[in-house]
Amino acid sequence: MNPVAVKSVSFSFVKPLVMVVIITFGYHIFKDIDYQEFSGKIYPFLETEKYYYQEQNMTPNFSQNEVEKSKKKVFHIISVACGSLHDELNPIHGHSGSRQFNQIKALIKSAILMTKEKLHFHFIMDDDDFYDSLTKIVDEMLELYKSKVIMTKHEAWFPQDRQDLKTLFKPCATERLLIPFMFPDLREIVYIDTDAVFLRPPEHIFQFFNQFNKDQFIAMNVNNFPWERLVPKEIPIYKNGFNSGVMLMDIQKARKPEINWLQRILEIVDNHKEKLRFGDQDVLNILFASSPENVFDLPCTWNIKKENCVTKNAAKCPLEEMKQVSLVHGTGGSFIRPGLSKLKLVYETFINFNMSTQIPRELPEVLQTNIDKNLGSPCARVKGFDEMILKWPKTILGMK
């Protein structure tokens, strides 16, 4: 029942088989891989983050010892993207392989620029040219960037008797639901949608695994706007509904027999197939509405969307109090729609940053110049939003 394994290499890449970009941030110890340890300053939890945890009755426990131990690990990133570079671009939504390619390019660039650690990108893809083009971009980067990367291409996998899942929603979208069975040897991973950009070291998000209790094995961010208005009344949702574009998962816990992951997922798909407006995200909401004890609520700073600026809710997302943005998510085509916006300018900064010639400390200045161009979008009207975006790039990379 397990998918076919694919070899990994430390830059030299495995040749493509199929394309679903699974960027899983997780850790796995690769004893046979020789790589340079990345030393870096350890950044403690900010006071504003502590404020959030106090409000949620949680106690941060990001110890120096845990951070030091992370240096022995490789951090795995999973993302899903199917399509061809030759697809025609949808003029409204921009759905195409070329859109996915640009988004993945920005995601990888941002992760590499911000990290002090070794990252392993897992890609599930269905187009050879797509993967070859992606590896070429990384191959042409400066050595200081390439040395941080391992890339592996995986073949899309579906249960033998459920090939209908492949085209149930968007192409390969249901792969996110099958991660526990595609990666049985990994443990802590982070799945990231392709339309996301890191503004803080990816390894920092892994520290939330330390906060999971014995029952929790998944973490996502709860929406701060009325999600129940967007789904049919018959669809149960977790709290206010969560966005699954950034998802932490302890795979070994999810695979426990008592969780019964696969059977429950398939039952939800079969019972609600005609009502799943948001596809696999609806499936996950239904699943955890019935078992909320398994969910850890991820702070909103790790999944900032345009909606966080439009519908400000200090109780659900105390953005102005936290004074930082860790990751931006271009939901609803925010990165590619006509017109300027703060989130689009962040995305374009990473797309256009030349990692074959430019060094990391150039990024904060370029980013600051670019985001200063926009004054009219919803996020531009959030007090101190530019400083929130620049917080971690300046802290990690400095300024020229």
Protein backbone atom coordinates (compact mmCIF):
# COMPACT_ATOMS: atom_id res chain seq x y z
CA MET A 1 0.00 0.00 0.00
CA ASN A 2 2.97 2.31 0.48
CA PRO A 3 4.12 4.40 -2.49
CA VAL A 4 7.29 3.58 -4.40
CA ALA A 5 10.37 5.13 -2.81
CA VAL A 6 12.45 7.64 -4.75
CA LYS A 7 16.17 8.19 -4.29
CA SER A 8 17.40 11.51 -2.93
CA VAL A 9 20.64 13.29 -3.56
CA SER A 10 22.25 16.36 -2.11
CA PHE A 11 22.31 18.65 -5.09
CA SER A 12 22.48 16.68 -7.96
CA PHE A 13 18.80 15.95 -8.26
CA VAL A 14 16.83 12.82 -8.87
CA LYS A 15 15.25 12.77 -12.31
CA PRO A 16 11.54 13.59 -12.52
CA LEU A 17 8.77 11.03 -12.36
CA VAL A 18 5.61 12.97 -11.55
CA MET A 19 4.87 16.47 -10.33
CA VAL A 20 3.11 17.30 -7.13
CA VAL A 21 5.24 19.70 -5.18
CA ILE A 22 5.22 18.51 -1.66
CA ILE A 23 7.22 20.86 0.36
CA THR A 24 7.30 19.15 3.67
CA PHE A 25 9.06 20.78 6.45
CA GLY A 26 9.95 18.01 8.72
CA TYR A 27 13.05 16.53 10.05
CA HIS A 28 14.78 13.32 9.31
CA ILE A 29 18.39 12.41 10.12
CA PHE A 30 20.35 11.49 7.02
CA LYS A 31 23.52 9.85 8.27
CA ASP A 32 24.85 9.26 4.77
CA ILE A 33 24.67 12.90 3.69
CA ASP A 34 27.67 15.07 4.29
CA TYR A 35 26.84 18.73 4.57
CA GLN A 36 28.16 21.87 6.15
CA GLU A 37 26.55 22.77 9.46
CA PHE A 38 25.01 26.20 9.31
CA SER A 39 25.84 28.21 12.36
CA GLY A 40 23.50 30.99 13.25
CA LYS A 41 22.33 33.21 15.99
CA ILE A 42 19.53 31.73 18.10
CA TYR A 43 16.51 34.01 18.18
CA PRO A 44 14.26 33.68 21.23
CA PHE A 45 10.49 34.00 21.14
CA LEU A 46 9.46 37.64 20.84
CA GLU A 47 7.57 39.22 23.73
CA THR A 48 4.61 39.74 21.39
CA GLU A 49 4.54 36.03 20.58
CA LYS A 50 4.54 35.27 24.30
CA TYR A 51 1.54 37.57 24.61
CA TYR A 52 -0.32 35.46 22.06
CA TYR A 53 0.42 32.27 23.94
CA GLN A 54 -0.66 33.74 27.26
CA GLU A 55 -3.98 34.70 25.68
CA GLN A 56 -4.40 31.16 24.36
CA ASN A 57 -3.39 29.60 27.70
CA MET A 58 -0.32 28.02 26.13
CA THR A 59 3.25 28.15 27.36
CA PRO A 60 6.04 28.51 24.78
CA ASN A 61 8.85 26.07 25.38
CA PHE A 62 11.35 26.83 22.65
CA SER A 63 14.47 25.99 24.60
CA GLN A 64 18.04 26.69 23.53
CA ASN A 65 18.67 22.97 23.85
CA GLU A 66 15.94 22.11 21.34
CA VAL A 67 17.21 24.68 18.86
CA GLU A 68 20.76 23.39 19.20
CA LYS A 69 19.56 19.83 18.57
CA SER A 70 17.85 20.98 15.36
CA LYS A 71 21.27 21.64 13.83
CA LYS A 72 21.72 17.86 13.57
CA LYS A 73 18.57 17.53 11.44
CA VAL A 74 17.49 18.04 7.89
CA PHE A 75 14.24 19.99 7.58
CA HIS A 76 11.78 18.56 5.06
CA ILE A 77 9.39 20.68 3.02
CA ILE A 78 6.38 19.29 1.09
CA SER A 79 4.29 21.09 -1.54
CA VAL A 80 1.94 19.91 -4.30
CA ALA A 81 1.76 21.24 -7.88
CA CYS A 82 0.59 19.44 -11.02
CA GLY A 83 0.57 20.85 -14.52
CA SER A 84 2.75 21.75 -17.46
CA LEU A 85 4.83 24.83 -18.19
CA HIS A 86 2.96 24.96 -21.49
CA ASP A 87 -0.52 25.28 -19.96
CA GLU A 88 -2.48 28.36 -20.94
CA LEU A 89 -2.83 30.86 -18.11
CA ASN A 90 -6.40 31.36 -16.88
CA PRO A 91 -6.82 35.16 -17.17
CA ILE A 92 -8.98 35.35 -14.02
CA HIS A 93 -7.53 32.82 -11.62
CA GLY A 94 -4.16 32.20 -13.24
CA HIS A 95 -4.42 28.42 -12.81
CA SER A 96 -1.70 26.79 -14.88
CA GLY A 97 1.60 24.99 -14.62
CA SER A 98 3.44 28.23 -15.36
CA ARG A 99 1.76 29.92 -12.39
CA GLN A 100 2.71 26.97 -10.18
CA PHE A 101 6.28 27.13 -11.45
CA ASN A 102 6.70 30.80 -10.55
CA GLN A 103 5.12 30.27 -7.16
CA ILE A 104 7.39 27.34 -6.34
CA LYS A 105 10.38 29.37 -7.49
CA ALA A 106 9.49 32.16 -5.03
CA LEU A 107 8.80 29.67 -2.26
CA ILE A 108 12.15 27.90 -2.67
CA LYS A 109 14.08 31.15 -2.96
CA SER A 110 12.51 32.57 0.19
CA ALA A 111 13.14 29.40 2.19
CA ILE A 112 16.79 29.18 1.11
CA LEU A 113 17.45 32.87 1.72
CA MET A 114 15.97 32.83 5.22
CA THR A 115 17.28 29.49 6.50
CA LYS A 116 20.45 28.77 8.45
CA GLU A 117 19.84 25.03 8.17
CA LYS A 118 19.68 22.21 5.62
CA LEU A 119 16.37 21.93 3.77
CA HIS A 120 15.00 18.92 1.90
CA PHE A 121 12.36 19.78 -0.67
CA HIS A 122 10.06 16.93 -1.72
CA PHE A 123 8.26 17.50 -5.00
CA ILE A 124 5.37 15.46 -6.41
CA MET A 125 5.05 16.38 -10.09
CA ASP A 126 3.53 15.07 -13.29
CA ASP A 127 5.63 16.95 -15.86
CA ASP A 128 9.32 16.26 -16.58
CA ASP A 129 10.05 19.68 -18.08
CA PHE A 130 8.64 21.36 -15.01
CA TYR A 131 11.02 19.57 -12.66
CA ASP A 132 14.02 19.92 -14.97
CA SER A 133 13.43 23.68 -15.20
CA LEU A 134 13.15 23.93 -11.43
CA THR A 135 16.39 22.07 -10.80
CA LYS A 136 18.15 24.24 -13.37
CA ILE A 137 17.24 27.37 -11.42
CA VAL A 138 18.73 25.98 -8.22
CA ASP A 139 21.76 24.60 -10.06
CA GLU A 140 22.57 28.13 -11.24
CA MET A 141 22.47 29.62 -7.72
CA LEU A 142 25.59 30.61 -5.83
CA GLU A 143 27.18 27.79 -3.84
CA LEU A 144 26.23 29.44 -0.55
CA TYR A 145 22.58 28.81 -1.52
CA LYS A 146 22.94 25.42 -3.21
CA SER A 147 24.73 23.97 -0.21
CA LYS A 148 21.54 24.31 1.83
CA VAL A 149 19.38 22.19 -0.47
CA ILE A 150 18.41 18.59 -1.08
CA MET A 151 15.66 17.99 -3.66
CA THR A 152 13.69 14.82 -4.33
CA LYS A 153 10.99 14.19 -6.90
CA HIS A 154 8.21 11.77 -6.00
CA GLU A 155 5.57 10.03 -8.06
CA ALA A 156 1.97 10.84 -7.23
CA TRP A 157 0.35 8.02 -5.27
CA PHE A 158 -3.27 7.04 -4.70
CA PRO A 159 -4.77 3.89 -3.16
CA GLN A 160 -5.04 1.24 -5.86
CA ASP A 161 -8.83 1.17 -5.79
CA ARG A 162 -9.26 4.95 -5.49
CA GLN A 163 -7.74 6.44 -8.63
CA ASP A 164 -10.78 8.76 -8.71
CA LEU A 165 -8.99 10.87 -6.09
CA LYS A 166 -6.45 12.06 -8.66
CA THR A 167 -8.91 14.38 -10.42
CA LEU A 168 -11.46 14.87 -7.65
CA PHE A 169 -10.59 18.54 -7.08
CA LYS A 170 -7.73 20.40 -8.73
CA PRO A 171 -5.14 18.04 -10.28
CA CYS A 172 -3.29 16.15 -7.52
CA ALA A 173 -4.81 18.31 -4.75
CA THR A 174 -5.81 15.22 -2.77
CA GLU A 175 -2.14 14.27 -2.38
CA ARG A 176 -2.12 16.45 0.72
CA LEU A 177 -4.60 14.01 2.28
CA LEU A 178 -2.28 11.08 1.58
CA ILE A 179 0.95 12.46 3.05
CA PRO A 180 0.98 9.97 5.97
CA PHE A 181 1.11 7.12 3.45
CA MET A 182 3.48 8.71 0.94
CA PHE A 183 6.12 9.48 3.57
CA PRO A 184 5.94 6.65 6.12
CA ASP A 185 9.58 7.08 7.18
CA LEU A 186 9.36 10.77 8.07
CA ARG A 187 8.00 12.13 11.30
CA GLU A 188 7.61 15.89 11.73
CA ILE A 189 6.87 17.64 8.45
CA VAL A 190 5.40 20.92 7.27
CA TYR A 191 3.29 21.01 4.15
CA ILE A 192 3.25 24.37 2.31
CA ASP A 193 1.05 25.48 -0.60
CA THR A 194 3.06 26.73 -3.57
CA ASP A 195 1.68 30.28 -3.22
CA ALA A 196 3.57 31.05 -0.01
CA VAL A 197 6.70 33.07 0.77
CA PHE A 198 8.85 32.74 3.89
CA LEU A 199 9.88 35.92 5.69
CA ARG A 200 11.32 34.07 8.69
CA PRO A 201 13.63 31.03 8.91
CA PRO A 202 11.60 27.90 8.04
CA GLU A 203 13.24 25.97 10.88
CA HIS A 204 11.49 28.25 13.40
CA ILE A 205 8.07 26.83 12.53
CA PHE A 206 9.26 23.35 13.54
CA GLN A 207 9.65 24.51 17.10
CA PHE A 208 5.86 24.34 17.46
CA PHE A 209 6.07 20.56 17.47
CA ASN A 210 7.50 20.95 20.99
CA GLN A 211 4.13 22.38 22.03
CA PHE A 212 2.02 19.43 20.86
CA ASN A 213 0.42 17.39 23.62
CA LYS A 214 0.11 13.60 23.40
CA ASP A 215 -3.07 13.78 21.29
CA GLN A 216 -2.13 16.58 18.88
CA PHE A 217 -0.50 15.64 15.59
CA ILE A 218 -1.52 18.42 13.19
CA ALA A 219 -1.37 22.23 13.25
CA MET A 220 -3.11 24.78 11.01
CA ASN A 221 -4.20 28.39 11.32
CA VAL A 222 -7.84 29.16 12.14
CA ASN A 223 -9.46 31.75 9.86
CA ASN A 224 -10.15 35.19 11.31
CA PHE A 225 -13.14 35.83 9.01
CA PRO A 226 -16.57 34.07 9.01
CA TRP A 227 -15.68 30.92 7.06
CA GLU A 228 -19.05 29.29 7.82
CA ARG A 229 -20.63 31.68 5.29
CA LEU A 230 -18.56 30.14 2.49
CA VAL A 231 -19.41 26.46 3.01
CA PRO A 232 -22.77 24.62 2.94
CA LYS A 233 -24.52 24.36 6.30
CA GLU A 234 -24.19 20.57 6.23
CA ILE A 235 -20.38 20.85 6.21
CA PRO A 236 -19.03 20.83 9.78
CA ILE A 237 -15.87 22.89 10.30
CA TYR A 238 -13.19 23.10 12.99
CA LYS A 239 -13.83 26.26 15.05
CA ASN A 240 -14.05 29.07 12.48
CA GLY A 241 -12.58 26.83 9.80
CA PHE A 242 -8.86 26.58 9.18
CA ASN A 243 -6.68 27.24 6.16
CA SER A 244 -4.64 24.14 5.31
CA GLY A 245 -2.07 25.93 3.12
CA VAL A 246 0.47 25.73 5.95
CA MET A 247 0.18 22.46 7.82
CA LEU A 248 2.43 20.85 10.41
CA MET A 249 2.01 17.11 10.80
CA ASP A 250 3.52 14.41 13.01
CA ILE A 251 3.25 11.60 10.47
CA GLN A 252 3.95 8.80 12.94
CA LYS A 253 1.08 9.90 15.19
CA ALA A 254 -1.23 10.28 12.18
CA ARG A 255 -0.43 6.71 11.12
CA LYS A 256 -1.47 5.16 14.44
CA PRO A 257 -4.21 2.53 13.93
CA GLU A 258 -6.60 4.26 16.32
CA ILE A 259 -6.53 7.43 14.18
CA ASN A 260 -7.84 5.43 11.20
CA TRP A 261 -6.75 8.27 8.91
CA LEU A 262 -7.27 6.79 5.45
CA GLN A 263 -10.67 5.19 6.06
CA ARG A 264 -12.04 8.37 7.66
CA ILE A 265 -10.72 10.52 4.79
CA LEU A 266 -12.30 8.27 2.16
CA GLU A 267 -15.62 8.16 3.99
CA ILE A 268 -15.74 11.98 4.12
CA VAL A 269 -14.98 12.22 0.40
CA ASP A 270 -17.70 9.67 -0.46
CA ASN A 271 -20.31 11.19 1.85
CA HIS A 272 -19.78 14.85 0.96
CA LYS A 273 -18.31 14.74 -2.56
CA GLU A 274 -20.84 17.10 -4.13
CA LYS A 275 -20.57 19.68 -1.35
CA LEU A 276 -16.80 20.06 -0.98
CA ARG A 277 -16.43 23.57 -2.38
CA PHE A 278 -12.84 23.92 -1.13
CA GLY A 279 -11.83 20.36 -1.86
CA ASP A 280 -9.28 18.72 0.38
CA GLN A 281 -9.36 21.69 2.77
CA ASP A 282 -13.04 20.94 3.42
CA VAL A 283 -12.17 17.28 3.99
CA LEU A 284 -9.65 18.22 6.68
CA ASN A 285 -12.11 20.63 8.33
CA ILE A 286 -14.76 17.90 8.51
CA LEU A 287 -12.23 15.38 9.84
CA PHE A 288 -11.02 17.56 12.69
CA ALA A 289 -14.43 19.00 13.53
CA SER A 290 -15.07 15.52 14.93
CA SER A 291 -11.67 15.21 16.65
CA PRO A 292 -10.54 18.71 17.68
CA GLU A 293 -8.29 17.23 20.36
CA ASN A 294 -5.84 16.30 17.57
CA VAL A 295 -5.31 19.91 16.42
CA PHE A 296 -2.82 22.55 17.57
CA ASP A 297 -3.78 26.08 16.47
CA LEU A 298 -0.95 27.65 14.49
CA PRO A 299 -0.46 31.41 15.12
CA CYS A 300 -1.67 33.56 12.23
CA THR A 301 1.74 35.17 11.67
CA TRP A 302 2.72 31.91 9.91
CA ASN A 303 -0.14 32.22 7.38
CA ILE A 304 -0.82 35.89 6.62
CA LYS A 305 -3.35 36.33 3.83
CA LYS A 306 -5.05 39.37 2.34
CA GLU A 307 -8.10 38.48 4.45
CA ASN A 308 -6.09 39.14 7.63
CA CYS A 309 -5.80 42.75 6.52
CA VAL A 310 -9.40 43.08 5.28
CA THR A 311 -11.11 41.49 8.30
CA LYS A 312 -8.96 42.45 11.24
CA ASN A 313 -9.77 40.45 14.36
CA ALA A 314 -7.44 41.03 17.30
CA ALA A 315 -8.88 38.06 19.19
CA LYS A 316 -8.12 35.56 16.40
CA CYS A 317 -5.09 37.25 14.85
CA PRO A 318 -3.42 39.95 16.99
CA LEU A 319 -1.26 41.00 14.04
CA GLU A 320 -0.51 44.55 15.20
CA GLU A 321 0.40 43.29 18.67
CA MET A 322 2.69 40.54 17.32
CA LYS A 323 4.51 43.09 15.12
CA GLN A 324 5.85 40.54 12.63
CA VAL A 325 4.95 38.49 9.57
CA SER A 326 6.59 35.08 9.30
CA LEU A 327 5.00 33.84 6.06
CA VAL A 328 2.67 35.38 3.47
CA HIS A 329 0.12 33.27 1.59
CA GLY A 330 -1.25 34.42 -1.78
CA THR A 331 -4.71 32.88 -1.49
CA GLY A 332 -7.28 33.74 -4.14
CA GLY A 333 -4.58 34.64 -6.66
CA SER A 334 -3.26 37.54 -4.54
CA PHE A 335 0.21 37.12 -6.02
CA ILE A 336 -0.86 37.24 -9.65
CA ARG A 337 -3.99 39.39 -9.92
CA PRO A 338 -3.68 42.76 -11.74
CA GLY A 339 -2.73 45.78 -9.65
CA LEU A 340 -0.33 46.34 -6.79
CA SER A 341 -0.63 44.96 -3.29
CA LYS A 342 1.80 44.50 -0.41
CA LEU A 343 1.66 40.71 -0.63
CA LYS A 344 2.18 40.74 -4.41
CA LEU A 345 5.21 43.05 -4.03
CA VAL A 346 6.74 40.67 -1.48
CA TYR A 347 6.22 37.76 -3.88
CA GLU A 348 7.70 39.66 -6.84
CA THR A 349 10.74 40.65 -4.78
CA PHE A 350 11.68 36.99 -4.31
CA ILE A 351 10.78 36.05 -7.89
CA ASN A 352 13.15 38.73 -9.21
CA PHE A 353 15.97 38.32 -6.66
CA ASN A 354 18.89 36.87 -8.62
CA MET A 355 20.47 34.18 -6.47
CA SER A 356 23.14 33.58 -9.11
CA THR A 357 24.65 37.01 -8.46
CA GLN A 358 23.04 38.65 -5.41
CA ILE A 359 24.07 37.90 -1.83
CA PRO A 360 21.63 37.51 1.09
CA ARG A 361 22.25 40.87 2.78
CA GLU A 362 21.02 42.66 -0.36
CA LEU A 363 17.50 41.29 0.13
CA PRO A 364 16.22 43.49 3.02
CA GLU A 365 17.03 46.72 1.18
CA VAL A 366 15.48 45.50 -2.07
CA LEU A 367 12.40 44.30 -0.19
CA GLN A 368 12.06 47.59 1.68
CA THR A 369 12.28 49.58 -1.57
CA ASN A 370 9.71 47.38 -3.32
CA ILE A 371 7.02 47.29 -0.65
CA ASP A 372 7.24 51.07 -0.28
CA LYS A 373 5.58 51.35 -3.72
CA ASN A 374 2.08 50.45 -2.53
CA LEU A 375 -0.14 52.61 -0.33
CA GLY A 376 -3.67 51.63 -1.29
CA SER A 377 -4.16 47.88 -0.68
CA PRO A 378 -5.77 46.46 2.51
CA CYS A 379 -2.44 45.38 4.04
CA ALA A 380 -0.95 48.82 3.31
CA ARG A 381 -3.59 50.24 5.66
CA VAL A 382 -2.51 48.03 8.57
CA LYS A 383 -0.44 50.10 10.96
CA GLY A 384 3.25 49.14 10.79
CA PHE A 385 2.76 46.40 8.17
CA ASP A 386 6.00 47.22 6.33
CA GLU A 387 7.96 46.87 9.57
CA MET A 388 6.24 43.52 10.20
CA ILE A 389 7.35 42.27 6.77
CA LEU A 390 10.93 43.48 7.26
CA LYS A 391 11.28 42.28 10.86
CA TRP A 392 12.91 38.90 10.17
CA PRO A 393 14.76 39.64 6.90
CA LYS A 394 16.55 42.51 8.67
CA THR A 395 17.16 40.42 11.79
CA ILE A 396 18.52 37.39 9.94
CA LEU A 397 20.22 38.96 6.95
CA GLY A 398 21.05 42.49 8.06
CA MET A 399 21.23 45.40 5.65
CA LYS A 400 23.86 46.34 3.08
